[in-house]
Every structure is written in C-alpha cells, then in structure tokens.
Protein backbone atom coordinates (compact mmCIF):
# COMPACT_ATOMS: atom_id res chain seq x y z
CA MET A 1 -2.75 -15.03 -7.88
CA THR A 2 -3.37 -13.45 -11.05
CA TYR A 3 -3.74 -9.87 -10.64
CA CYS A 4 -5.32 -7.89 -13.46
CA GLN A 5 -3.01 -7.14 -16.57
CA ALA A 6 -2.71 -3.40 -15.82
CA VAL A 7 -0.84 -4.18 -12.40
CA ARG A 8 0.69 -7.36 -12.97
CA GLN A 9 4.16 -6.47 -14.09
CA MET A 10 4.50 -3.50 -11.84
CA ASP A 11 6.75 -3.06 -8.75
CA SER A 12 4.66 -2.95 -5.45
CA ASN A 13 5.88 0.63 -4.55
CA ASN A 14 4.01 1.78 -7.85
CA PRO A 15 1.03 3.88 -6.59
CA ASN A 16 -1.16 2.16 -9.11
CA VAL A 17 -0.88 -1.36 -7.27
CA HIS A 18 -2.20 -0.04 -3.92
CA TYR A 19 -4.91 1.83 -5.81
CA HIS A 20 -6.13 -1.26 -7.61
CA ASN A 21 -5.84 -3.47 -4.77
CA HIS A 22 -7.45 -1.21 -1.96
CA GLU A 23 -9.51 1.38 -3.94
CA TYR A 24 -10.45 0.71 -7.59
CA GLY A 25 -14.03 -0.68 -7.91
CA PHE A 26 -14.70 -0.42 -4.27
CA PRO A 27 -17.84 1.19 -3.48
CA LEU A 28 -17.75 4.84 -1.84
CA HIS A 29 -20.26 5.96 0.70
CA ASP A 30 -19.19 9.41 1.81
CA ASP A 31 -20.26 12.05 -0.78
CA ASP A 32 -17.23 14.22 -0.31
CA GLU A 33 -15.12 10.85 -1.03
CA LEU A 34 -17.25 10.50 -4.09
CA PHE A 35 -16.37 14.01 -4.94
CA GLY A 36 -13.08 13.70 -4.49
CA ARG A 37 -13.00 10.83 -6.88
CA LEU A 38 -14.77 12.52 -9.52
CA ILE A 39 -12.25 15.74 -9.04
CA LEU A 40 -9.08 13.09 -9.57
CA GLU A 41 -10.90 11.71 -12.64
CA ILE A 42 -11.47 15.07 -14.08
CA ASN A 43 -7.97 16.24 -13.39
CA GLN A 44 -6.69 12.92 -15.23
CA ALA A 45 -7.84 13.99 -18.60
CA GLY A 46 -4.98 14.03 -21.03
CA LEU A 47 -2.36 12.69 -18.16
CA SER A 48 -1.39 9.41 -16.77
CA TRP A 49 -3.39 8.00 -13.74
CA THR A 50 -0.04 7.64 -12.00
CA THR A 51 0.51 11.31 -12.07
CA ILE A 52 -3.01 11.86 -10.35
CA LEU A 53 -2.41 9.41 -7.54
CA LYS A 54 1.16 10.88 -7.01
CA LYS A 55 -0.88 14.16 -6.51
CA LYS A 56 -3.69 12.62 -4.63
CA ASP A 57 -2.87 13.90 -1.08
CA ASN A 58 -2.29 17.52 -2.61
CA PHE A 59 -5.63 17.34 -4.31
CA ARG A 60 -7.14 16.64 -0.99
CA SER A 61 -5.44 19.41 0.61
CA ALA A 62 -5.86 22.03 -1.94
CA TYR A 63 -9.56 21.16 -2.34
CA SER A 64 -10.58 21.20 1.38
CA ASN A 65 -10.41 17.66 1.95
CA PHE A 66 -12.96 17.32 -1.00
CA ASN A 67 -15.32 19.17 1.06
CA ILE A 68 -18.61 19.92 -1.20
CA ASP A 69 -19.78 22.60 1.07
CA GLN A 70 -16.68 24.64 0.75
CA ILE A 71 -15.75 24.09 -2.64
CA ALA A 72 -19.05 25.23 -3.77
CA ASN A 73 -18.43 28.31 -1.93
CA TYR A 74 -14.94 28.84 -3.58
CA GLY A 75 -14.29 32.58 -4.28
CA GLU A 76 -11.76 33.99 -6.63
CA GLY A 77 -9.04 33.93 -4.03
CA ASP A 78 -9.57 30.15 -3.99
CA TRP A 79 -9.84 30.05 -7.60
CA ASN A 80 -6.40 31.78 -7.81
CA ARG A 81 -5.06 29.69 -5.10
CA LEU A 82 -5.92 26.49 -7.01
CA LEU A 83 -4.33 27.87 -10.40
CA ASN A 84 -1.13 28.88 -8.82
CA ASP A 85 -0.67 25.50 -6.71
CA ALA A 86 2.06 23.37 -8.35
CA GLY A 87 0.88 20.29 -6.25
CA ILE A 88 -2.10 19.86 -8.20
CA ILE A 89 -3.04 20.26 -12.13
CA ARG A 90 -3.20 24.12 -12.87
CA ASN A 91 -6.08 23.72 -15.32
CA ARG A 92 -8.76 26.63 -15.47
CA LEU A 93 -11.22 24.36 -17.15
CA LYS A 94 -10.67 21.70 -14.36
CA VAL A 95 -10.62 24.27 -11.61
CA ASN A 96 -13.83 25.82 -12.81
CA ALA A 97 -15.31 22.32 -13.11
CA ALA A 98 -14.70 21.25 -9.50
CA ILE A 99 -16.43 24.52 -8.25
CA TYR A 100 -19.16 24.26 -10.69
CA ASN A 101 -19.60 20.55 -9.86
CA ALA A 102 -19.95 21.19 -6.42
CA GLN A 103 -22.59 23.71 -6.36
CA GLN A 104 -24.51 21.05 -8.98
CA ILE A 105 -24.03 18.19 -6.10
CA LEU A 106 -25.31 20.63 -3.38
CA SER A 107 -28.67 21.00 -5.47
CA ILE A 108 -28.58 17.07 -5.83
CA GLN A 109 -28.00 16.72 -2.32
CA ASN A 110 -31.19 19.19 -1.75
CA ASN A 111 -33.33 16.81 -4.04
CA TYR A 112 -32.15 13.25 -2.99
CA GLY A 113 -30.57 13.68 0.36
CA SER A 114 -27.03 12.95 -0.92
CA PHE A 115 -24.86 12.51 -3.93
CA LYS A 116 -24.80 8.65 -3.32
CA ASN A 117 -28.67 8.79 -3.40
CA TRP A 118 -28.67 10.14 -6.82
CA LEU A 119 -26.09 7.92 -8.00
CA ASP A 120 -27.91 4.94 -6.72
CA HIS A 121 -31.29 6.42 -7.94
CA HIS A 122 -30.06 6.25 -11.60
CA HIS A 123 -28.21 2.76 -11.08
CA PRO A 124 -28.29 0.75 -12.96
CA LEU A 125 -27.82 2.51 -16.59
CA SER A 126 -25.70 1.63 -19.38
CA LYS A 127 -22.33 3.70 -19.89
CA PRO A 128 -23.84 5.85 -22.58
CA GLU A 129 -26.86 6.51 -20.35
CA TRP A 130 -24.82 7.46 -17.60
CA VAL A 131 -22.82 10.01 -19.77
CA LYS A 132 -25.97 11.70 -20.74
CA VAL A 133 -27.06 12.10 -17.12
CA PHE A 134 -23.75 13.45 -16.00
CA LYS A 135 -23.48 15.89 -19.22
CA LYS A 136 -26.75 17.30 -18.04
CA HIS A 137 -25.76 18.08 -14.56
CA PHE A 138 -21.94 18.63 -14.51
CA LYS A 139 -19.15 19.96 -16.51
CA PHE A 140 -15.79 18.43 -17.96
CA VAL A 141 -17.46 14.98 -17.79
CA GLY A 142 -17.08 13.09 -21.30
CA GLY A 143 -17.53 9.52 -21.82
CA GLU A 144 -14.02 8.17 -20.45
CA ILE A 145 -14.29 10.63 -17.08
CA VAL A 146 -17.83 9.17 -16.54
CA ASN A 147 -16.63 5.29 -17.30
CA GLU A 148 -13.75 5.69 -15.15
CA PHE A 149 -15.56 7.38 -12.31
CA LEU A 150 -18.41 4.98 -12.44
CA MET A 151 -16.11 1.98 -12.50
CA SER A 152 -13.70 3.07 -9.86
CA THR A 153 -16.67 3.54 -7.60
CA GLY A 154 -18.37 0.20 -8.25
CA TYR A 155 -21.40 1.76 -10.35
CA LEU A 156 -20.19 0.14 -13.81
CA PRO A 157 -18.45 -3.34 -14.40
CA GLY A 158 -15.07 -4.10 -15.45
CA ALA A 159 -12.58 -2.45 -12.87
CA HIS A 160 -11.06 -5.89 -12.28
CA GLU A 161 -10.46 -9.06 -14.29
CA PRO A 162 -12.43 -12.37 -13.02
CA SER A 163 -9.30 -14.04 -12.35
CA CYS A 164 -8.03 -11.13 -9.96
CA PRO A 165 -8.54 -11.82 -6.26
CA VAL A 166 -9.41 -8.36 -5.84
CA TYR A 167 -12.51 -8.90 -8.26
CA ALA A 168 -13.62 -11.72 -5.72
CA LYS A 169 -13.32 -9.56 -2.80
CA LEU A 170 -15.71 -7.06 -4.62
CA GLN A 171 -18.09 -9.73 -5.51
CA ALA A 172 -18.31 -10.45 -1.79
CA LEU A 173 -19.41 -7.14 -0.99
CA LYS A 174 -22.24 -7.35 -3.18
C-alpha cells in the first residue's frame, strides 16, 4: 500500500498517522464534532498540526467537549480559564473566535436546522467561494483554515492521494 506522501515515512506512533488513516477527509455528521474540527483548525494557524493533535484531548476538555451551546454562552470566567489553560493554545484571538463562532453556529442552526445542513446547503463550492461564505459568518477563518477544515471533513477534495488506500475508503463512502 502506498499512503500519502505526508505520512509515508512517519513512525506509526506519530499522531498524524492515526489522524490520516481514520479522520482526515472523513465526513463528520455531528455539529459539535464539526465545530470541534473548526476550533482545532483555527488553533493550528502558525503552529504544526502535530502540536494540535497532541493537544486534541485537552481542547475537547477545555472547550466543553466542543458543545456549541455551552461555548456560545461562555462568559468572562470561561474566557480567563481558557487563556490560562497550558494544555491548549492560549491566544486571545483564537479563544475569542471560538466563542464568537459558536454563537454564529447557533444562529445558523436556527436557520438551517444544523451546522451540517448549512454546509450541505452551500456544497459544492470552490475554495474561494467557501472562504467568502466563511468570512461572512465567522472570525479567524482565512483561506488555509477554511481549506483544511473543508478538506478534513470531506467538503473539498485533496485530503488523500488517489494511490492512498484511505482515498479508496472515502470514495466508497460516497
């Protein structure tokens, strides 16, 4: 089997290998999980994905299991708690974006029934079109963040090389 170049030479204990084989490019159906992936992608900006994967469980815990309702209602105490949590990325802009974006998703859920329905409603779009839609609704969502979020959740192609066995698994899901 020939896996994607990105993980071909990695040790099987590297968190990127598990992510590549079991998560990257696989559709997510749960709104909280979709939002969790967006939080992780936002926090990756300027850092390595390996750093984010190693802190993934810390993010899940710090951000109330990625519960959109809870995060949308975070107050100053939660904000301070997050900025003092060494287990996650302590960046004001990223923390602010998570809270704001949760509030935006609540509005989207009211209008579309779910965040996933909203994504499905806009699918398929080109990357530039997706970036415009995301920038209209969310904070801290540049082109690379939007691209990786959408590729990692199956809304944009390119997560795996056609020769990768994971690519075949994903094609079978369609």
